[in-house]
Amino acid sequence: MNEISQVSNPLLAELQNRAEPKSEELDKNAFLKLMVAQMNNQDPLSPQDNGEFVAQLAQFSSVEGIENMNKTMSQMATSMQSSQALQASGLVGRTVHINTDTSILSEGGVITGNINLENSTSNLMVNIMNSSGELVRQVEMGSQTRGDVRFAWNGQNAEGAQLPPGNYKFTAEASVGGTTEQMSLALSANVNSVTINPDRSVVLNVAGQGAVPLLEVAEIL
């Protein structure tokens, strides 16, 4: 068996030197060549036993299986990314809910939102401020149970007067156990375009928000 080791070591070094600079692993073809070389150069007086040969065949099958699995996973990932990009292209011109506290009120438009209540509350309040930070509307939503609470604002103040288009900021406050807590919310925004990056990740270009990763979209309306 010593002769096998003496032959296989130089062969292994040569195969590794021929491999790509960034990879030190043997592929299935190199593994097969190495196994054949071992068989051709084994000592006739002390041939390789069947058990060792079967073990090497099992190793070969394992290497080939892993390589095929990696190719399959890569193909599946590419297919999923392409499908995601195709679906995202259909969002252009649509309205989505994203996790933010500001939104743009268009002429005659409506801003919708979703408040995530971590606990039930005796009173839920939505505050709306203009770009100058002035409070222009307070909406009491009363008692609400834990979960998502939806709301919509038509751009009017408490007196029913229509406010001008522009950026508005929203905050949500809930009374829980005698204290007032700030709640996270998501607001509506229009998707102007979609960008597909070189790494196949998808970014939505949203009005008033800029670039927003597709994964950060809370809801498609």
C-alpha atoms as a PDB file:
ATOM      1  CA  MET A   1       0.000   0.000   0.000  1.00  0.00           C
ATOM      2  CA  ASN A   2       3.015   2.272   0.345  1.00  0.00           C
ATOM      3  CA  GLU A   3       3.355   2.472  -3.440  1.00  0.00           C
ATOM      4  CA  ILE A   4      -0.207   3.766  -3.725  1.00  0.00           C
ATOM      5  CA  SER A   5       0.526   6.593  -1.343  1.00  0.00           C
ATOM      6  CA  GLN A   6       3.695   7.513  -3.223  1.00  0.00           C
ATOM      7  CA  VAL A   7       1.816   7.707  -6.519  1.00  0.00           C
ATOM      8  CA  SER A   8      -1.338   9.435  -5.253  1.00  0.00           C
ATOM      9  CA  ASN A   9       0.397  12.292  -3.437  1.00  0.00           C
ATOM     10  CA  PRO A  10       2.130  13.801  -6.541  1.00  0.00           C
ATOM     11  CA  LEU A  11      -1.057  13.274  -8.552  1.00  0.00           C
ATOM     12  CA  LEU A  12      -3.132  15.002  -5.894  1.00  0.00           C
ATOM     13  CA  ALA A  13      -0.711  17.946  -5.863  1.00  0.00           C
ATOM     14  CA  GLU A  14      -0.901  18.236  -9.655  1.00  0.00           C
ATOM     15  CA  LEU A  15      -4.698  18.187  -9.659  1.00  0.00           C
ATOM     16  CA  GLN A  16      -4.861  20.846  -6.974  1.00  0.00           C
ATOM     17  CA  ASN A  17      -2.405  23.048  -8.895  1.00  0.00           C
ATOM     18  CA  ARG A  18      -4.638  22.856 -11.967  1.00  0.00           C
ATOM     19  CA  ALA A  19      -7.714  23.886  -9.976  1.00  0.00           C
ATOM     20  CA  GLU A  20      -9.031  27.426  -9.942  1.00  0.00           C
ATOM     21  CA  PRO A  21      -7.021  29.792  -7.714  1.00  0.00           C
ATOM     22  CA  LYS A  22      -9.957  30.475  -5.386  1.00  0.00           C
ATOM     23  CA  SER A  23     -10.974  26.837  -4.918  1.00  0.00           C
ATOM     24  CA  GLU A  24      -8.998  24.200  -3.043  1.00  0.00           C
ATOM     25  CA  GLU A  25     -11.676  21.488  -3.324  1.00  0.00           C
ATOM     26  CA  LEU A  26     -11.584  18.583  -5.786  1.00  0.00           C
ATOM     27  CA  ASP A  27     -14.535  18.259  -8.122  1.00  0.00           C
ATOM     28  CA  LYS A  28     -15.999  14.893  -9.075  1.00  0.00           C
ATOM     29  CA  ASN A  29     -13.815  14.557 -12.222  1.00  0.00           C
ATOM     30  CA  ALA A  30     -10.582  15.107 -10.288  1.00  0.00           C
ATOM     31  CA  PHE A  31     -11.767  12.685  -7.617  1.00  0.00           C
ATOM     32  CA  LEU A  32     -12.487  10.024 -10.271  1.00  0.00           C
ATOM     33  CA  LYS A  33      -9.079  10.523 -11.919  1.00  0.00           C
ATOM     34  CA  LEU A  34      -7.385  10.174  -8.558  1.00  0.00           C
ATOM     35  CA  MET A  35      -9.254   6.944  -7.791  1.00  0.00           C
ATOM     36  CA  VAL A  36      -8.404   5.454 -11.220  1.00  0.00           C
ATOM     37  CA  ALA A  37      -4.741   6.383 -10.763  1.00  0.00           C
ATOM     38  CA  GLN A  38      -4.712   4.605  -7.438  1.00  0.00           C
ATOM     39  CA  MET A  39      -6.155   1.467  -9.027  1.00  0.00           C
ATOM     40  CA  ASN A  40      -3.694   1.509 -11.953  1.00  0.00           C
ATOM     41  CA  ASN A  41      -0.696   1.936  -9.684  1.00  0.00           C
ATOM     42  CA  GLN A  42      -1.587  -0.419  -6.876  1.00  0.00           C
ATOM     43  CA  ASP A  43       0.816  -3.157  -5.837  1.00  0.00           C
ATOM     44  CA  PRO A  44      -0.165  -6.393  -7.701  1.00  0.00           C
ATOM     45  CA  LEU A  45       1.104  -8.412  -4.735  1.00  0.00           C
ATOM     46  CA  SER A  46      -1.031  -6.415  -2.326  1.00  0.00           C
ATOM     47  CA  PRO A  47      -4.087  -5.145  -4.250  1.00  0.00           C
ATOM     48  CA  GLN A  48      -6.574  -2.764  -2.785  1.00  0.00           C
ATOM     49  CA  ASP A  49      -9.275  -4.682  -0.918  1.00  0.00           C
ATOM     50  CA  ASN A  50     -12.942  -4.469  -1.905  1.00  0.00           C
ATOM     51  CA  GLY A  51     -13.948  -2.648   1.242  1.00  0.00           C
ATOM     52  CA  GLU A  52     -11.603   0.235   0.552  1.00  0.00           C
ATOM     53  CA  PHE A  53     -12.686   0.378  -3.089  1.00  0.00           C
ATOM     54  CA  VAL A  54     -16.376   0.481  -2.102  1.00  0.00           C
ATOM     55  CA  ALA A  55     -15.615   3.226   0.423  1.00  0.00           C
ATOM     56  CA  GLN A  56     -13.975   5.315  -2.307  1.00  0.00           C
ATOM     57  CA  LEU A  57     -16.952   4.761  -4.620  1.00  0.00           C
ATOM     58  CA  ALA A  58     -19.211   5.959  -1.811  1.00  0.00           C
ATOM     59  CA  GLN A  59     -17.038   9.068  -1.446  1.00  0.00           C
ATOM     60  CA  PHE A  60     -17.271   9.685  -5.174  1.00  0.00           C
ATOM     61  CA  SER A  61     -21.075   9.398  -5.086  1.00  0.00           C
ATOM     62  CA  SER A  62     -21.177  11.810  -2.156  1.00  0.00           C
ATOM     63  CA  VAL A  63     -19.008  14.382  -3.961  1.00  0.00           C
ATOM     64  CA  GLU A  64     -21.148  14.125  -7.094  1.00  0.00           C
ATOM     65  CA  GLY A  65     -24.364  14.403  -5.080  1.00  0.00           C
ATOM     66  CA  ILE A  66     -23.215  17.538  -3.273  1.00  0.00           C
ATOM     67  CA  GLU A  67     -22.132  19.126  -6.550  1.00  0.00           C
ATOM     68  CA  ASN A  68     -25.506  18.383  -8.179  1.00  0.00           C
ATOM     69  CA  MET A  69     -27.359  19.684  -5.127  1.00  0.00           C
ATOM     70  CA  ASN A  70     -25.388  22.945  -5.227  1.00  0.00           C
ATOM     71  CA  LYS A  71     -26.266  23.406  -8.905  1.00  0.00           C
ATOM     72  CA  THR A  72     -29.948  22.736  -8.202  1.00  0.00           C
ATOM     73  CA  MET A  73     -30.044  25.191  -5.299  1.00  0.00           C
ATOM     74  CA  SER A  74     -28.340  27.844  -7.411  1.00  0.00           C
ATOM     75  CA  GLN A  75     -30.877  27.370 -10.201  1.00  0.00           C
ATOM     76  CA  MET A  76     -33.771  27.574  -7.727  1.00  0.00           C
ATOM     77  CA  ALA A  77     -32.382  30.800  -6.203  1.00  0.00           C
ATOM     78  CA  THR A  78     -32.012  32.377  -9.654  1.00  0.00           C
ATOM     79  CA  SER A  79     -35.541  31.336 -10.598  1.00  0.00           C
ATOM     80  CA  MET A  80     -36.998  32.776  -7.385  1.00  0.00           C
ATOM     81  CA  GLN A  81     -35.147  36.077  -7.866  1.00  0.00           C
ATOM     82  CA  SER A  82     -36.377  36.362 -11.449  1.00  0.00           C
ATOM     83  CA  SER A  83     -39.943  35.653 -10.333  1.00  0.00           C
ATOM     84  CA  GLN A  84     -39.652  38.249  -7.572  1.00  0.00           C
ATOM     85  CA  ALA A  85     -38.364  40.848 -10.052  1.00  0.00           C
ATOM     86  CA  LEU A  86     -41.244  40.099 -12.445  1.00  0.00           C
ATOM     87  CA  GLN A  87     -43.819  40.467  -9.671  1.00  0.00           C
ATOM     88  CA  ALA A  88     -42.205  43.703  -8.459  1.00  0.00           C
ATOM     89  CA  SER A  89     -42.467  45.237 -11.943  1.00  0.00           C
ATOM     90  CA  GLY A  90     -46.243  44.939 -11.615  1.00  0.00           C
ATOM     91  CA  LEU A  91     -46.172  47.244  -8.572  1.00  0.00           C
ATOM     92  CA  VAL A  92     -45.408  50.358 -10.630  1.00  0.00           C
ATOM     93  CA  GLY A  93     -48.319  52.752 -10.159  1.00  0.00           C
ATOM     94  CA  ARG A  94     -49.671  50.746  -7.230  1.00  0.00           C
ATOM     95  CA  THR A  95     -50.030  51.869  -3.621  1.00  0.00           C
ATOM     96  CA  VAL A  96     -48.210  50.055  -0.829  1.00  0.00           C
ATOM     97  CA  HIS A  97     -47.967  50.340   2.942  1.00  0.00           C
ATOM     98  CA  ILE A  98     -44.428  50.811   4.214  1.00  0.00           C
ATOM     99  CA  ASN A  99     -43.117  51.248   7.748  1.00  0.00           C
ATOM    100  CA  THR A 100     -42.783  55.033   7.998  1.00  0.00           C
ATOM    101  CA  ASP A 101     -44.333  57.959   9.857  1.00  0.00           C
ATOM    102  CA  THR A 102     -44.595  60.341   6.854  1.00  0.00           C
ATOM    103  CA  SER A 103     -46.634  60.272   3.669  1.00  0.00           C
ATOM    104  CA  ILE A 104     -47.593  62.565   0.791  1.00  0.00           C
ATOM    105  CA  LEU A 105     -51.141  63.864   0.496  1.00  0.00           C
ATOM    106  CA  SER A 106     -52.012  64.342  -3.176  1.00  0.00           C
ATOM    107  CA  GLU A 107     -54.690  66.668  -4.561  1.00  0.00           C
ATOM    108  CA  GLY A 108     -58.022  65.135  -3.550  1.00  0.00           C
ATOM    109  CA  GLY A 109     -56.206  62.041  -2.311  1.00  0.00           C
ATOM    110  CA  VAL A 110     -56.419  59.900   0.810  1.00  0.00           C
ATOM    111  CA  ILE A 111     -53.668  58.609   3.087  1.00  0.00           C
ATOM    112  CA  THR A 112     -54.295  55.186   4.559  1.00  0.00           C
ATOM    113  CA  GLY A 113     -52.398  53.527   7.371  1.00  0.00           C
ATOM    114  CA  ASN A 114     -52.085  50.526   9.596  1.00  0.00           C
ATOM    115  CA  ILE A 115     -51.241  50.643  13.310  1.00  0.00           C
ATOM    116  CA  ASN A 116     -49.683  47.635  14.994  1.00  0.00           C
ATOM    117  CA  LEU A 117     -51.148  47.381  18.496  1.00  0.00           C
ATOM    118  CA  GLU A 118     -49.031  45.183  20.732  1.00  0.00           C
ATOM    119  CA  ASN A 119     -51.696  45.328  23.475  1.00  0.00           C
ATOM    120  CA  SER A 120     -55.380  46.208  23.670  1.00  0.00           C
ATOM    121  CA  THR A 121     -55.999  49.858  24.472  1.00  0.00           C
ATOM    122  CA  SER A 122     -58.782  51.893  26.045  1.00  0.00           C
ATOM    123  CA  ASN A 123     -58.095  54.751  23.651  1.00  0.00           C
ATOM    124  CA  LEU A 124     -56.107  55.010  20.428  1.00  0.00           C
ATOM    125  CA  MET A 125     -55.183  58.462  19.131  1.00  0.00           C
ATOM    126  CA  VAL A 126     -53.730  59.401  15.733  1.00  0.00           C
ATOM    127  CA  ASN A 127     -51.959  62.765  15.477  1.00  0.00           C
ATOM    128  CA  ILE A 128     -51.338  64.381  12.088  1.00  0.00           C
ATOM    129  CA  MET A 129     -48.833  67.222  11.575  1.00  0.00           C
ATOM    130  CA  ASN A 130     -47.899  69.247   8.505  1.00  0.00           C
ATOM    131  CA  SER A 131     -44.350  69.806   7.188  1.00  0.00           C
ATOM    132  CA  SER A 132     -43.895  72.673   9.680  1.00  0.00           C
ATOM    133  CA  GLY A 133     -44.622  70.373  12.620  1.00  0.00           C
ATOM    134  CA  GLU A 134     -48.002  72.012  13.323  1.00  0.00           C
ATOM    135  CA  LEU A 135     -50.720  69.676  14.603  1.00  0.00           C
ATOM    136  CA  VAL A 136     -53.502  69.840  12.005  1.00  0.00           C
ATOM    137  CA  ARG A 137     -55.715  66.929  13.054  1.00  0.00           C
ATOM    138  CA  GLN A 138     -56.279  64.542  15.949  1.00  0.00           C
ATOM    139  CA  VAL A 139     -58.374  61.445  15.407  1.00  0.00           C
ATOM    140  CA  GLU A 140     -59.675  59.518  18.419  1.00  0.00           C
ATOM    141  CA  MET A 141     -60.196  55.888  17.480  1.00  0.00           C
ATOM    142  CA  GLY A 142     -61.446  54.799  20.900  1.00  0.00           C
ATOM    143  CA  SER A 143     -61.012  51.340  22.387  1.00  0.00           C
ATOM    144  CA  GLN A 144     -59.162  48.860  20.193  1.00  0.00           C
ATOM    145  CA  THR A 145     -58.093  45.253  20.638  1.00  0.00           C
ATOM    146  CA  ARG A 146     -54.576  43.948  20.102  1.00  0.00           C
ATOM    147  CA  GLY A 147     -53.552  43.536  16.464  1.00  0.00           C
ATOM    148  CA  ASP A 148     -53.638  45.632  13.295  1.00  0.00           C
ATOM    149  CA  VAL A 149     -55.878  48.701  13.225  1.00  0.00           C
ATOM    150  CA  ARG A 150     -56.536  50.392   9.873  1.00  0.00           C
ATOM    151  CA  PHE A 151     -57.368  54.044   9.323  1.00  0.00           C
ATOM    152  CA  ALA A 152     -57.778  56.520   6.475  1.00  0.00           C
ATOM    153  CA  TRP A 153     -57.431  60.322   6.345  1.00  0.00           C
ATOM    154  CA  ASN A 154     -59.025  62.396   3.577  1.00  0.00           C
ATOM    155  CA  GLY A 155     -56.831  65.453   4.122  1.00  0.00           C
ATOM    156  CA  GLN A 156     -59.346  67.490   6.130  1.00  0.00           C
ATOM    157  CA  ASN A 157     -58.796  69.243   9.452  1.00  0.00           C
ATOM    158  CA  ALA A 158     -61.151  69.063  12.440  1.00  0.00           C
ATOM    159  CA  GLU A 159     -63.387  71.775  10.926  1.00  0.00           C
ATOM    160  CA  GLY A 160     -63.769  69.894   7.651  1.00  0.00           C
ATOM    161  CA  ALA A 161     -61.543  72.233   5.639  1.00  0.00           C
ATOM    162  CA  GLN A 162     -59.388  70.611   2.969  1.00  0.00           C
ATOM    163  CA  LEU A 163     -55.677  70.912   3.685  1.00  0.00           C
ATOM    164  CA  PRO A 164     -53.123  71.509   0.901  1.00  0.00           C
ATOM    165  CA  PRO A 165     -51.193  68.659  -0.706  1.00  0.00           C
ATOM    166  CA  GLY A 166     -47.777  67.927   0.758  1.00  0.00           C
ATOM    167  CA  ASN A 167     -45.885  65.894   3.330  1.00  0.00           C
ATOM    168  CA  TYR A 168     -47.638  64.991   6.582  1.00  0.00           C
ATOM    169  CA  LYS A 169     -46.328  63.211   9.656  1.00  0.00           C
ATOM    170  CA  PHE A 170     -48.345  60.725  11.694  1.00  0.00           C
ATOM    171  CA  THR A 171     -47.964  59.426  15.234  1.00  0.00           C
ATOM    172  CA  ALA A 172     -50.119  56.865  17.028  1.00  0.00           C
ATOM    173  CA  GLU A 173     -50.586  56.869  20.802  1.00  0.00           C
ATOM    174  CA  ALA A 174     -52.315  54.162  22.827  1.00  0.00           C
ATOM    175  CA  SER A 175     -53.421  54.232  26.456  1.00  0.00           C
ATOM    176  CA  VAL A 176     -52.228  50.991  28.064  1.00  0.00           C
ATOM    177  CA  GLY A 177     -52.389  50.386  31.808  1.00  0.00           C
ATOM    178  CA  GLY A 178     -52.715  54.058  32.627  1.00  0.00           C
ATOM    179  CA  THR A 179     -49.741  55.125  30.492  1.00  0.00           C
ATOM    180  CA  THR A 180     -49.479  56.444  26.938  1.00  0.00           C
ATOM    181  CA  GLU A 181     -47.336  54.439  24.515  1.00  0.00           C
ATOM    182  CA  GLN A 182     -46.173  55.222  20.996  1.00  0.00           C
ATOM    183  CA  MET A 183     -47.268  52.622  18.438  1.00  0.00           C
ATOM    184  CA  SER A 184     -45.495  51.709  15.206  1.00  0.00           C
ATOM    185  CA  LEU A 185     -47.422  52.293  11.998  1.00  0.00           C
ATOM    186  CA  ALA A 186     -47.262  51.869   8.236  1.00  0.00           C
ATOM    187  CA  LEU A 187     -48.486  54.487   5.769  1.00  0.00           C
ATOM    188  CA  SER A 188     -49.539  54.444   2.140  1.00  0.00           C
ATOM    189  CA  ALA A 189     -47.210  55.519  -0.651  1.00  0.00           C
ATOM    190  CA  ASN A 190     -47.199  55.256  -4.436  1.00  0.00           C
ATOM    191  CA  VAL A 191     -44.614  53.173  -6.300  1.00  0.00           C
ATOM    192  CA  ASN A 192     -43.079  55.233  -9.122  1.00  0.00           C
ATOM    193  CA  SER A 193     -40.629  52.664 -10.478  1.00  0.00           C
ATOM    194  CA  VAL A 194     -38.737  49.470  -9.695  1.00  0.00           C
ATOM    195  CA  THR A 195     -34.958  48.960  -9.725  1.00  0.00           C
ATOM    196  CA  ILE A 196     -33.342  45.530 -10.074  1.00  0.00           C
ATOM    197  CA  ASN A 197     -29.794  45.577  -8.711  1.00  0.00           C
ATOM    198  CA  PRO A 198     -26.892  43.533 -10.165  1.00  0.00           C
ATOM    199  CA  ASP A 199     -27.299  41.070  -7.274  1.00  0.00           C
ATOM    200  CA  ARG A 200     -30.949  40.594  -8.391  1.00  0.00           C
ATOM    201  CA  SER A 201     -32.326  42.294  -5.279  1.00  0.00           C
ATOM    202  CA  VAL A 202     -35.411  44.454  -5.920  1.00  0.00           C
ATOM    203  CA  VAL A 203     -35.822  48.059  -4.758  1.00  0.00           C
ATOM    204  CA  LEU A 204     -38.996  50.110  -5.063  1.00  0.00           C
ATOM    205  CA  ASN A 205     -38.697  53.828  -5.796  1.00  0.00           C
ATOM    206  CA  VAL A 206     -41.531  55.224  -3.673  1.00  0.00           C
ATOM    207  CA  ALA A 207     -42.954  58.744  -3.813  1.00  0.00           C
ATOM    208  CA  GLY A 208     -41.767  60.805  -0.861  1.00  0.00           C
ATOM    209  CA  GLN A 209     -39.682  57.918   0.532  1.00  0.00           C
ATOM    210  CA  GLY A 210     -36.999  57.217  -2.062  1.00  0.00           C
ATOM    211  CA  ALA A 211     -35.567  53.726  -2.462  1.00  0.00           C
ATOM    212  CA  VAL A 212     -37.328  51.086  -0.364  1.00  0.00           C
ATOM    213  CA  PRO A 213     -36.289  47.386  -0.453  1.00  0.00           C
ATOM    214  CA  LEU A 214     -39.140  45.125  -1.502  1.00  0.00           C
ATOM    215  CA  LEU A 215     -38.794  43.175   1.755  1.00  0.00           C
ATOM    216  CA  GLU A 216     -39.722  46.303   3.754  1.00  0.00           C
ATOM    217  CA  VAL A 217     -43.162  46.569   2.129  1.00  0.00           C
ATOM    218  CA  ALA A 218     -45.742  45.771   4.796  1.00  0.00           C
ATOM    219  CA  GLU A 219     -48.733  45.468   2.463  1.00  0.00           C
ATOM    220  CA  ILE A 220     -49.704  45.866  -1.197  1.00  0.00           C
ATOM    221  CA  LEU A 221     -53.035  47.647  -1.639  1.00  0.00           C
END
